Structures are given as C-alpha cells and as structure tokens.
C-alpha cells in the first residue's frame, strides 16, 4: 500500500517539472492522458486480480502487484520519451488495480472483527505515507532520480508479500479446511474458532447447493451467465453493490485525487503562485496522515453510519466553501483576504478527507461483500472505481478551463451530497459484527435463521434434481 501511495505522489513531481523544463514536451491532451491512464489500467488490473484471487489465491495476486510496481519505477528511471512514460504508467496502473482492490478484502479476511476496522483503516494511512515519501523526496530530487529512490522503497512490499500466508477465506472456498484452520488460528489464535467453524460449515452447504445446480446446467458458459444474473437477484449481493458504487464516488470525488494529481493548478488557484508548493504539499501530507491515524482510532469507537454522516457532510461544506473562496478571491470581491484563509481551507479539506472518506470507504468495502460472490463484487467495484478515476483525472484539465478550479470543487460537492444520501439509505451498521453476520443481515436473516435457510434451499434444489 505504501508503494501505491508513492505512485500517486510521484505525479506532482513529474508533471510540475515537465511543464517547466519541457524535457519531454507535454500538451494538455498528452498530460491528461498520462495522468488518467491509471483509470483504464486500474480496470485491467482489477479484472486480473479478480481472476487470480479466486483461482490461484490472494497471495499470488499481491506478489504480482509488487513486481509490477517495481517494473514501473524502472521504466520511469529510464524514460526519455512520452511512450516510455506511458509504459511506466501502465505497469503501475495495473499494479494499483490488483493490490488496491485486494487490500481491504485481504485484511478483512485476515483479521478479527474487533480489530478489522482499524486494520483496514491503516490501508489509506499506508498510502498516505507513500504519498508523503514521494513529496518529501520530490523537494530534493528531479523526477528521474526520484523514480530510482522510490524503487528501493517498494522492495519491502515485495518481501512482505513473499512471507505472508494465504487467506483463510480462500482456503475454505477450495475445500482446504485443515489448512484453513491452521492459518486462521495462526492469525487470530483459538478464541474465534466459532467463526472459523461457521465459515467452514457454510461453505460446505453452499458447495452442496452449487453441485446440485451444476448438475442441472452443465454447460460452463450457461452456468457463468446464470450465476451473474442470479447474483444480481440476491439481496445480499445487490445492496452491497449499490453501497459500494456510491462509496467509490465519495472517495474519488472528495477532492483528494484531483489535488494530488494536479497539485500545481490547485496550489496556484488557492494562493496565486506556485512558490513553496512542495513545502505546502508536504505539510498537507503530514496533516492528512495524522488525520487518517486519528480516523483509525475513531473507527474503533464510533459507528460507521455516524462517521459517514459527519465527515462526508463536512467534506461537502468545505468543498463548497473552497469554491466560494476561490471564486471571490480571483474576482477581488472579498472584503478581506489573507494567505491564512487559503491555508486553513486547504488544510481543513485534507484533514476531513484523511479522517473520513479515505478510511471509511476501505473499511466498509471490506465488510459488506458476500463471501460466495466476493470476486464478482470486486470486479464491479473496480469497474466503477476505474470509471470514476479516469473521468475525474481526464476531465479535470478541461473543467479547469471551462468552469475554473472553483467550479470543479462545487461540482464535487454536489456529487458527494447525492452519494451520501444514497449510501445512508442502504448501509446497515457493520461495526463489531462478523462478516457472516453482515452478510446474513443483507439477506434479511435474523440470528439463528441462516443455517436453516441454507439447508432448506439446498434440499429444494436436490428435490428439483
């Protein structure tokens, strides 16, 4: 996750230096394509991840992501043309697509419900550490040398992936129950054996259902198509997809990604100059990191819905305030203006994003996907995230020209307001509940009804056969 953060933070050095030095000439179109390419390659990586994590395992997917990140840094360090930059972006975009979609899922499967929220919230914290590393070294190194420095910072991620165990949830879906018990107890001890045995028993029941269903429709293509259609008919699949789609919108349009990628444009709009840009960016990174660490603590104390309402509402307010401030400052209609006003709004935005949308989106996404359909949910999540990411980064330079930076912040505030309303309508409380309990809640089962319902469904299919 730190490696993925460094790929995001690298953009500030890359684009600001190339605009000034013209070492590799970039116009608005080529710059927007280079910046937004991560959206398209993110989708490719997500599809690759969904296949690898379901067929081969979670661990091989993380290993692949780490290797591609390192290949991207090598490409940047050797780049002397626009196509070479594109190759580096493709490597890293696929890497982020694989690791980004799997991170929260893997941690959700590794950890106890008591610690799951803080652990998943640590994912954006690690990403922010990576961004901070990029921006800090960006004050001292050019983009060529910086890519070599960041390559070495990516190596520990590969080492960690090599020595990590396979996920117990993956092992149970493959029927490797003894290995699943061994890894589960190595990760969590023996205090949560009830969840372990419930997960195994549920998988056995679902496998019976799947075998009965397969005997009815043996054709592989028909099975897959029928599975996708049937998945969307299931309440425990459909509602998490709706929630996840709008959570992704909150994360992508909170203002963080646009500010990180187009740091020069945002900084100039706030302060009228790019002097001390990297100094201000570094202070913003530190603040966002502190906020995210605070968010980890808050998630262990405050319910998910309450956090969502408070922090996203504040995000909306500060986005609209920034839009109004930049509009009024550029047109010189403010009765009083001072550098401190822009600094306060800019830093407050980063604090709210770090404490709210960033940790919350990862935590909730890691908690709501049903085990049997986690791969398909992951594909859909990454598709929507990729579309949002590509649209956000690709359109930003053109929107800056049409409606200005202030207009973009206003538009993002409206998107956040809509997404917050829909999310609160469908999202149940997930804090301190096991993944199985959350899934049963989406099904509409009360405690104790799940096993009876699954057994009844299995028996009905057997009777049909």
Protein backbone atom coordinates (compact mmCIF):
# COMPACT_ATOMS: atom_id res chain seq x y z
CA UNK A 1 0.00 0.00 0.00
CA UNK A 2 2.93 2.36 0.65
CA UNK A 3 4.16 1.58 -2.88
CA UNK A 4 0.76 2.52 -4.32
CA UNK A 5 0.86 5.80 -2.42
CA UNK A 6 4.26 6.61 -3.90
CA UNK A 7 2.90 6.14 -7.43
CA UNK A 8 0.21 8.73 -6.67
CA UNK A 9 2.57 11.22 -5.04
CA UNK A 10 5.03 10.93 -7.91
CA UNK A 11 2.63 12.79 -10.22
CA UNK A 12 3.26 16.14 -8.53
CA UNK A 13 7.00 16.00 -9.29
CA UNK A 14 6.58 14.52 -12.75
CA UNK A 15 4.04 16.99 -14.14
CA UNK A 16 5.30 20.17 -12.45
CA UNK A 17 8.89 19.57 -13.62
CA UNK A 18 7.94 18.58 -17.18
CA UNK A 19 5.83 21.74 -17.50
CA UNK A 20 8.81 23.87 -16.54
CA UNK A 21 11.73 22.04 -18.18
CA UNK A 22 9.91 20.69 -21.27
CA UNK A 23 12.41 17.80 -21.15
CA UNK A 24 9.61 15.65 -22.56
CA UNK A 25 7.10 18.01 -24.21
CA UNK A 26 3.50 17.56 -22.97
CA UNK A 27 0.39 19.44 -24.06
CA UNK A 28 -2.95 19.39 -22.22
CA UNK A 29 -4.15 16.27 -24.04
CA UNK A 30 -0.99 14.24 -23.53
CA UNK A 31 -0.71 15.29 -19.88
CA UNK A 32 -4.33 14.39 -19.17
CA UNK A 33 -3.90 11.01 -20.88
CA UNK A 34 -0.72 10.32 -18.95
CA UNK A 35 -2.40 11.23 -15.67
CA UNK A 36 -5.70 9.45 -16.34
CA UNK A 37 -4.20 6.28 -17.83
CA UNK A 38 -4.21 4.82 -14.35
CA UNK A 39 -8.02 4.70 -14.57
CA UNK A 40 -8.05 2.38 -17.59
CA UNK A 41 -5.12 0.24 -16.45
CA UNK A 42 -6.63 0.13 -12.97
CA UNK A 43 -9.60 -1.66 -14.51
CA UNK A 44 -7.32 -4.13 -16.29
CA UNK A 45 -5.53 -4.82 -13.02
CA UNK A 46 -8.83 -5.26 -11.22
CA UNK A 47 -10.01 -7.87 -13.72
CA UNK A 48 -6.68 -9.69 -13.48
CA UNK A 49 -6.92 -9.56 -9.70
CA UNK A 50 -10.46 -10.94 -9.61
CA UNK A 51 -9.36 -13.93 -11.67
CA UNK A 52 -6.12 -14.54 -9.81
CA UNK A 53 -7.58 -14.12 -6.31
CA UNK A 54 -10.41 -16.57 -6.99
CA UNK A 55 -8.50 -19.19 -8.99
CA UNK A 56 -4.89 -19.09 -7.71
CA UNK A 57 -5.15 -17.20 -4.44
CA UNK A 58 -4.84 -13.86 -2.70
CA UNK A 59 -1.09 -14.19 -2.07
CA UNK A 60 -0.09 -14.62 -5.75
CA UNK A 61 -2.14 -11.54 -6.60
CA UNK A 62 -0.26 -9.42 -4.06
CA UNK A 63 3.07 -10.76 -5.36
CA UNK A 64 2.13 -9.82 -8.93
CA UNK A 65 1.15 -6.32 -7.83
CA UNK A 66 4.50 -5.79 -6.08
CA UNK A 67 6.51 -6.94 -9.11
CA UNK A 68 4.60 -4.65 -11.49
CA UNK A 69 5.17 -1.65 -9.23
CA UNK A 70 8.92 -2.21 -9.37
CA UNK A 71 8.77 -2.59 -13.17
CA UNK A 72 7.03 0.78 -13.34
CA UNK A 73 9.78 2.54 -11.40
CA UNK A 74 12.41 1.00 -13.65
CA UNK A 75 10.52 2.34 -16.71
CA UNK A 76 10.38 5.87 -15.26
CA UNK A 77 14.05 5.87 -14.31
CA UNK A 78 14.99 5.00 -17.92
CA UNK A 79 12.35 7.14 -19.66
CA UNK A 80 13.37 9.72 -22.24
CA UNK A 81 10.16 9.92 -24.30
CA UNK A 82 6.38 10.10 -23.88
CA UNK A 83 5.82 6.39 -24.81
CA UNK A 84 8.30 5.34 -22.10
CA UNK A 85 6.30 7.34 -19.55
CA UNK A 86 3.14 5.62 -20.75
CA UNK A 87 4.72 2.20 -20.25
CA UNK A 88 5.63 3.10 -16.68
CA UNK A 89 2.07 4.32 -16.02
CA UNK A 90 0.62 1.11 -17.49
CA UNK A 91 2.75 -1.07 -15.20
CA UNK A 92 1.85 0.91 -12.12
CA UNK A 93 -1.82 1.30 -13.05
CA UNK A 94 -2.24 -2.47 -13.34
CA UNK A 95 -0.33 -2.88 -10.07
CA UNK A 96 -2.64 -0.46 -8.24
CA UNK A 97 -5.68 -2.17 -9.80
CA UNK A 98 -4.56 -5.55 -8.45
CA UNK A 99 -3.37 -4.50 -5.00
CA UNK A 100 -5.87 -1.71 -4.41
CA UNK A 101 -8.89 -3.93 -4.97
CA UNK A 102 -7.48 -6.77 -2.90
CA UNK A 103 -6.04 -4.88 0.07
CA UNK A 104 -9.23 -4.27 2.07
CA UNK A 105 -10.63 -7.70 1.19
CA UNK A 106 -7.48 -9.49 2.30
CA UNK A 107 -7.26 -7.61 5.59
CA UNK A 108 -10.97 -8.21 6.21
CA UNK A 109 -10.35 -11.93 5.78
CA UNK A 110 -7.20 -11.94 7.93
CA UNK A 111 -8.38 -10.02 10.97
CA UNK A 112 -10.76 -10.33 13.90
CA UNK A 113 -13.96 -8.23 13.83
CA UNK A 114 -12.63 -6.43 16.92
CA UNK A 115 -9.62 -5.11 15.02
CA UNK A 116 -10.84 -5.23 11.43
CA UNK A 117 -11.85 -1.55 11.27
CA UNK A 118 -8.51 -0.15 12.46
CA UNK A 119 -6.54 -2.59 10.29
CA UNK A 120 -8.48 -1.71 7.13
CA UNK A 121 -8.24 1.98 8.04
CA UNK A 122 -4.46 1.51 8.11
CA UNK A 123 -4.57 0.91 4.33
CA UNK A 124 -5.16 4.58 3.42
CA UNK A 125 -2.67 5.50 6.15
CA UNK A 126 -0.02 3.45 4.37
CA UNK A 127 -0.99 5.03 1.05
CA UNK A 128 -0.58 8.47 2.60
CA UNK A 129 2.84 7.51 3.95
CA UNK A 130 3.79 6.64 0.37
CA UNK A 131 2.49 9.98 -0.92
CA UNK A 132 4.42 11.79 1.82
CA UNK A 133 7.62 9.93 0.88
CA UNK A 134 7.21 10.96 -2.77
CA UNK A 135 6.54 14.61 -2.00
CA UNK A 136 9.31 14.85 0.60
CA UNK A 137 12.00 13.45 -1.69
CA UNK A 138 10.49 15.47 -4.54
CA UNK A 139 11.84 18.61 -2.85
CA UNK A 140 15.40 17.31 -3.34
CA UNK A 141 15.36 15.11 -6.46
CA UNK A 142 14.22 15.50 -10.06
CA UNK A 143 11.63 13.14 -11.42
CA UNK A 144 14.25 10.82 -12.98
CA UNK A 145 16.25 10.38 -9.77
CA UNK A 146 13.10 10.29 -7.67
CA UNK A 147 11.84 7.20 -9.50
CA UNK A 148 15.08 5.37 -8.61
CA UNK A 149 14.73 6.36 -4.95
CA UNK A 150 11.12 5.19 -4.82
CA UNK A 151 12.07 1.87 -6.42
CA UNK A 152 14.07 0.97 -3.30
CA UNK A 153 11.19 1.99 -1.04
CA UNK A 154 8.98 -0.50 -2.94
CA UNK A 155 11.18 -3.53 -2.26
CA UNK A 156 9.96 -4.16 1.33
CA UNK A 157 6.42 -4.63 -0.02
CA UNK A 158 7.62 -7.49 -2.18
CA UNK A 159 9.39 -9.11 0.79
CA UNK A 160 6.27 -8.86 2.97
CA UNK A 161 4.13 -10.43 0.21
CA UNK A 162 6.53 -13.38 -0.09
CA UNK A 163 6.26 -14.25 3.60
CA UNK A 164 2.52 -13.61 4.08
CA UNK A 165 0.14 -16.62 4.45
CA UNK A 166 -2.73 -17.40 2.11
CA UNK A 167 -6.14 -16.10 3.18
CA UNK A 168 -8.30 -18.50 5.28
CA UNK A 169 -11.36 -17.45 3.25
CA UNK A 170 -9.67 -18.53 0.00
CA UNK A 171 -8.58 -21.84 1.54
CA UNK A 172 -12.10 -22.61 2.73
CA UNK A 173 -13.60 -21.94 -0.72
CA UNK A 174 -11.15 -24.50 -2.16
CA UNK A 175 -12.11 -27.12 0.42
CA UNK A 176 -8.70 -26.98 2.14
CA UNK A 177 -10.29 -26.99 5.57
CA UNK A 178 -7.35 -28.29 7.62
CA UNK A 179 -5.00 -25.72 6.12
CA UNK A 180 -7.67 -23.07 6.65
CA UNK A 181 -7.88 -23.95 10.36
CA UNK A 182 -4.10 -23.81 10.71
CA UNK A 183 -3.76 -20.38 9.06
CA UNK A 184 -6.86 -18.97 10.79
CA UNK A 185 -5.55 -19.93 14.22
CA UNK A 186 -2.05 -18.65 13.36
CA UNK A 187 -3.58 -15.28 12.51
CA UNK A 188 -6.16 -14.99 15.30
CA UNK A 189 -5.49 -17.67 17.91
CA UNK A 190 -8.21 -20.03 19.11
CA UNK A 191 -10.63 -17.50 20.63
CA UNK A 192 -12.63 -17.18 17.41
CA UNK A 193 -12.99 -20.83 16.44
CA UNK A 194 -16.76 -20.36 16.36
CA UNK A 195 -16.45 -18.03 13.35
CA UNK A 196 -13.98 -20.47 11.76
CA UNK A 197 -16.28 -23.49 12.07
CA UNK A 198 -19.31 -21.44 10.97
CA UNK A 199 -17.41 -20.34 7.85
CA UNK A 200 -16.46 -23.94 7.04
CA UNK A 201 -19.98 -25.25 7.64
CA UNK A 202 -21.48 -22.51 5.47
CA UNK A 203 -19.04 -23.30 2.66
CA UNK A 204 -19.97 -27.00 2.76
CA UNK A 205 -23.66 -26.14 2.48
CA UNK A 206 -23.02 -23.75 -0.41
CA UNK A 207 -20.94 -26.38 -2.19
CA UNK A 208 -23.86 -28.81 -1.96
CA UNK A 209 -26.10 -26.16 -3.48
CA UNK A 210 -23.57 -25.47 -6.22
CA UNK A 211 -23.18 -29.17 -7.09
CA UNK A 212 -26.93 -29.59 -7.33
CA UNK A 213 -27.21 -26.51 -9.52
CA UNK A 214 -24.31 -27.61 -11.73
CA UNK A 215 -25.99 -30.93 -12.44
CA UNK A 216 -28.97 -29.04 -13.83
CA UNK A 217 -26.94 -26.81 -16.21
CA UNK A 218 -23.65 -28.48 -17.10
CA UNK A 219 -22.66 -26.06 -19.84
CA UNK A 220 -19.92 -23.78 -18.48
CA UNK A 221 -20.92 -20.59 -20.29
CA UNK A 222 -24.53 -21.00 -19.32
CA UNK A 223 -23.52 -21.58 -15.72
CA UNK A 224 -21.44 -18.41 -15.61
CA UNK A 225 -24.12 -16.26 -17.21
CA UNK A 226 -26.77 -17.73 -14.98
CA UNK A 227 -24.55 -17.11 -11.95
CA UNK A 228 -24.16 -13.41 -12.80
CA UNK A 229 -27.91 -12.98 -13.35
CA UNK A 230 -28.71 -14.91 -10.18
CA UNK A 231 -26.19 -12.86 -8.20
CA UNK A 232 -27.94 -9.60 -9.07
CA UNK A 233 -31.23 -11.09 -7.90
CA UNK A 234 -29.79 -11.79 -4.46
CA UNK A 235 -30.36 -9.12 -1.87
CA UNK A 236 -27.02 -9.81 -0.15
CA UNK A 237 -25.27 -9.06 -3.45
CA UNK A 238 -27.39 -6.26 -4.90
CA UNK A 239 -27.40 -3.92 -1.89
CA UNK A 240 -23.62 -4.09 -1.24
CA UNK A 241 -23.04 -3.27 -4.93
CA UNK A 242 -25.23 -0.16 -4.64
CA UNK A 243 -23.44 0.91 -1.45
CA UNK A 244 -20.01 0.23 -2.92
CA UNK A 245 -20.77 2.19 -6.10
CA UNK A 246 -21.60 5.31 -4.12
CA UNK A 247 -18.76 4.83 -1.64
CA UNK A 248 -16.37 4.81 -4.60
CA UNK A 249 -17.93 8.06 -5.82
CA UNK A 250 -17.35 9.63 -2.39
CA UNK A 251 -13.73 8.53 -2.38
CA UNK A 252 -12.95 9.60 -5.95
CA UNK A 253 -14.71 12.99 -5.80
CA UNK A 254 -13.84 14.10 -2.27
CA UNK A 255 -11.12 16.27 -3.82
CA UNK A 256 -8.04 14.33 -2.77
CA UNK A 257 -7.13 12.72 -6.09
CA UNK A 258 -7.60 15.89 -8.12
CA UNK A 259 -5.48 17.86 -5.64
CA UNK A 260 -2.70 15.27 -5.69
CA UNK A 261 -2.52 14.83 -9.46
CA UNK A 262 -2.93 18.48 -10.45
CA UNK A 263 -1.11 19.98 -7.47
CA UNK A 264 0.27 22.90 -9.49
CA UNK A 265 -3.18 24.02 -10.70
CA UNK A 266 -4.79 23.67 -7.28
CA UNK A 267 -1.93 25.44 -5.49
CA UNK A 268 -2.00 28.34 -7.93
CA UNK A 269 -5.79 28.70 -7.56
CA UNK A 270 -5.52 28.83 -3.77
CA UNK A 271 -2.52 31.13 -3.42
CA UNK A 272 -1.99 32.79 -6.81
CA UNK A 273 1.56 31.39 -7.10
CA UNK A 274 3.43 28.09 -7.06
CA UNK A 275 6.13 29.35 -4.68
CA UNK A 276 6.80 26.86 -1.87
CA UNK A 277 4.40 24.40 -3.50
CA UNK A 278 6.22 21.29 -2.30
CA UNK A 279 6.57 22.71 1.20
CA UNK A 280 2.81 23.27 1.43
CA UNK A 281 2.12 19.87 -0.15
CA UNK A 282 4.33 18.17 2.42
CA UNK A 283 2.51 19.86 5.31
CA UNK A 284 -0.79 18.76 3.76
CA UNK A 285 0.50 15.19 3.53
CA UNK A 286 1.57 15.19 7.17
CA UNK A 287 -1.80 16.59 8.25
CA UNK A 288 -3.71 14.05 6.16
CA UNK A 289 -1.59 11.26 7.60
CA UNK A 290 -2.29 12.44 11.16
CA UNK A 291 -5.99 12.69 10.30
CA UNK A 292 -6.06 9.17 8.92
CA UNK A 293 -4.34 7.79 12.02
CA UNK A 294 -6.98 9.66 14.05
CA UNK A 295 -9.61 8.11 11.79
CA UNK A 296 -8.31 4.65 12.67
CA UNK A 297 -8.91 5.38 16.35
CA UNK A 298 -12.31 6.94 15.63
CA UNK A 299 -13.45 3.88 13.67
CA UNK A 300 -12.78 1.71 16.72
CA UNK A 301 -15.05 3.95 18.82
CA UNK A 302 -17.74 5.40 16.54
CA UNK A 303 -20.33 3.59 14.45
CA UNK A 304 -19.79 3.55 10.69
CA UNK A 305 -23.02 5.35 9.76
CA UNK A 306 -22.38 8.18 12.22
CA UNK A 307 -18.86 8.68 10.88
CA UNK A 308 -20.12 8.66 7.33
CA UNK A 309 -22.74 11.31 8.03
CA UNK A 310 -20.43 13.63 9.98
CA UNK A 311 -17.28 13.54 7.86
CA UNK A 312 -18.83 13.44 4.39
CA UNK A 313 -21.16 16.31 5.36
CA UNK A 314 -18.11 18.31 6.46
CA UNK A 315 -16.41 17.38 3.19
CA UNK A 316 -19.35 18.80 1.27
CA UNK A 317 -19.30 22.02 3.30
CA UNK A 318 -15.56 22.60 2.88
CA UNK A 319 -15.71 21.86 -0.89
CA UNK A 320 -18.42 24.46 -1.36
CA UNK A 321 -16.53 26.90 0.88
CA UNK A 322 -13.37 26.47 -1.20
CA UNK A 323 -15.37 27.02 -4.39
CA UNK A 324 -16.79 30.25 -2.98
CA UNK A 325 -13.44 31.46 -1.67
CA UNK A 326 -11.51 30.90 -4.91
CA UNK A 327 -14.33 32.46 -6.95
CA UNK A 328 -14.44 35.56 -4.75
CA UNK A 329 -10.66 35.91 -4.43
CA UNK A 330 -9.99 35.67 -8.16
CA UNK A 331 -12.66 38.31 -8.85
CA UNK A 332 -11.43 40.51 -5.98
CA UNK A 333 -14.83 40.76 -4.27
CA UNK A 334 -13.65 39.63 -0.83
CA UNK A 335 -13.85 42.40 1.79
CA UNK A 336 -10.73 40.91 3.37
CA UNK A 337 -8.21 38.38 2.08
CA UNK A 338 -5.17 36.78 3.62
CA UNK A 339 -2.93 33.84 2.81
CA UNK A 340 -4.08 32.21 6.07
CA UNK A 341 -7.63 31.80 4.73
CA UNK A 342 -6.50 29.67 1.80
CA UNK A 343 -4.10 27.72 4.01
CA UNK A 344 -6.86 26.99 6.52
CA UNK A 345 -9.38 25.80 3.90
CA UNK A 346 -6.76 23.74 2.05
CA UNK A 347 -5.54 22.02 5.22
CA UNK A 348 -9.04 21.54 6.63
CA UNK A 349 -10.05 19.78 3.40
CA UNK A 350 -7.14 17.37 3.72
CA UNK A 351 -7.91 16.71 7.40
CA UNK A 352 -11.56 15.87 6.69
CA UNK A 353 -10.64 13.61 3.76
CA UNK A 354 -7.99 11.82 5.80
CA UNK A 355 -10.20 11.25 8.83
CA UNK A 356 -13.40 10.37 7.00
CA UNK A 357 -13.83 9.30 3.35
CA UNK A 358 -10.42 7.64 2.96
CA UNK A 359 -10.57 5.15 5.86
CA UNK A 360 -14.34 4.69 5.75
CA UNK A 361 -14.55 3.64 2.12
CA UNK A 362 -11.94 0.93 2.62
CA UNK A 363 -13.39 -0.30 5.90
CA UNK A 364 -16.97 -0.60 4.69
CA UNK A 365 -16.00 -2.15 1.36
CA UNK A 366 -14.03 -4.82 3.22
CA UNK A 367 -17.04 -5.62 5.39
CA UNK A 368 -20.06 -5.79 3.08
CA UNK A 369 -19.13 -8.17 0.22
CA UNK A 370 -20.67 -11.68 0.49
CA UNK A 371 -18.11 -14.49 0.60
CA UNK A 372 -19.62 -16.54 -2.25
CA UNK A 373 -19.70 -13.52 -4.62
CA UNK A 374 -16.66 -11.60 -3.42
CA UNK A 375 -14.83 -11.97 -6.72
CA UNK A 376 -17.75 -10.59 -8.77
CA UNK A 377 -18.30 -7.79 -6.26
CA UNK A 378 -14.64 -6.92 -6.54
CA UNK A 379 -14.89 -6.74 -10.35
CA UNK A 380 -17.89 -4.42 -10.21
CA UNK A 381 -16.27 -2.27 -7.53
CA UNK A 382 -13.10 -1.87 -9.58
CA UNK A 383 -15.06 -1.11 -12.76
CA UNK A 384 -16.92 1.74 -11.10
CA UNK A 385 -13.77 2.95 -9.35
CA UNK A 386 -11.88 2.86 -12.65
CA UNK A 387 -14.59 4.81 -14.46
CA UNK A 388 -14.71 7.44 -11.70
CA UNK A 389 -10.92 7.68 -11.54
CA UNK A 390 -10.49 8.01 -15.30
CA UNK A 391 -13.33 10.53 -15.59
CA UNK A 392 -12.07 12.58 -12.64
CA UNK A 393 -8.45 12.90 -13.80
CA UNK A 394 -9.12 13.08 -17.55
CA UNK A 395 -11.81 15.76 -17.32
CA UNK A 396 -10.16 17.97 -14.68
CA UNK A 397 -7.84 20.00 -17.02
CA UNK A 398 -10.74 20.74 -19.37
CA UNK A 399 -13.08 21.63 -16.49
CA UNK A 400 -10.42 23.96 -15.11
CA UNK A 401 -10.55 25.81 -18.45
CA UNK A 402 -14.37 25.86 -18.68
CA UNK A 403 -15.59 26.46 -15.10
CA UNK A 404 -12.33 27.01 -13.22
CA UNK A 405 -10.96 25.20 -10.19
CA UNK A 406 -13.76 26.72 -8.10
CA UNK A 407 -16.40 25.22 -10.39
CA UNK A 408 -14.85 21.76 -10.08
CA UNK A 409 -14.91 21.94 -6.27
CA UNK A 410 -18.57 23.00 -6.40
CA UNK A 411 -19.44 20.13 -8.74
CA UNK A 412 -17.68 17.65 -6.46
CA UNK A 413 -19.69 18.94 -3.51
CA UNK A 414 -22.94 18.12 -5.33
CA UNK A 415 -21.71 14.62 -6.24
CA UNK A 416 -20.78 13.99 -2.60
CA UNK A 417 -24.20 15.13 -1.39
CA UNK A 418 -26.03 12.71 -3.71
CA UNK A 419 -23.72 9.80 -2.89
CA UNK A 420 -24.03 10.38 0.86
CA UNK A 421 -27.83 10.27 0.76
CA UNK A 422 -27.94 7.01 -1.20
CA UNK A 423 -25.27 5.38 0.99
CA UNK A 424 -27.09 6.23 4.22
CA UNK A 425 -30.34 4.82 2.83
CA UNK A 426 -28.86 1.36 2.15
CA UNK A 427 -25.91 1.00 4.55
CA UNK A 428 -26.53 -1.03 7.75
CA UNK A 429 -24.32 -0.71 10.79
CA UNK A 430 -21.33 -3.07 10.40
CA UNK A 431 -19.17 -2.15 13.38
CA UNK A 432 -18.26 -5.10 15.68
CA UNK A 433 -20.14 -7.60 13.51
CA UNK A 434 -18.55 -10.62 11.84
CA UNK A 435 -18.52 -10.76 8.05
CA UNK A 436 -21.03 -13.62 8.25
CA UNK A 437 -23.39 -11.55 10.40
CA UNK A 438 -23.18 -8.63 7.97
CA UNK A 439 -23.92 -10.96 5.06
CA UNK A 440 -26.86 -12.52 6.90
CA UNK A 441 -28.19 -9.04 7.61
CA UNK A 442 -28.24 -8.22 3.89
CA UNK A 443 -30.09 -11.48 3.30
CA UNK A 444 -32.66 -10.39 5.86
CA UNK A 445 -31.99 -13.28 8.24
CA UNK A 446 -32.23 -12.86 11.97
CA UNK A 447 -29.60 -14.51 14.15
CA UNK A 448 -30.07 -18.28 14.05
CA UNK A 449 -32.07 -18.33 10.81
CA UNK A 450 -29.14 -18.58 8.38
CA UNK A 451 -28.32 -22.28 8.63
CA UNK A 452 -31.96 -23.32 8.42
CA UNK A 453 -32.50 -21.18 5.32
CA UNK A 454 -29.42 -22.52 3.56
CA UNK A 455 -30.32 -26.13 4.35
CA UNK A 456 -33.85 -25.56 3.05
CA UNK A 457 -32.53 -24.05 -0.19
CA UNK A 458 -30.13 -26.95 -0.67
CA UNK A 459 -32.89 -29.51 -0.10
CA UNK A 460 -35.20 -27.74 -2.56
CA UNK A 461 -32.52 -27.90 -5.28
CA UNK A 462 -31.91 -31.58 -4.58
CA UNK A 463 -35.64 -32.23 -4.93
CA UNK A 464 -35.64 -30.39 -8.27
CA UNK A 465 -32.79 -32.61 -9.47
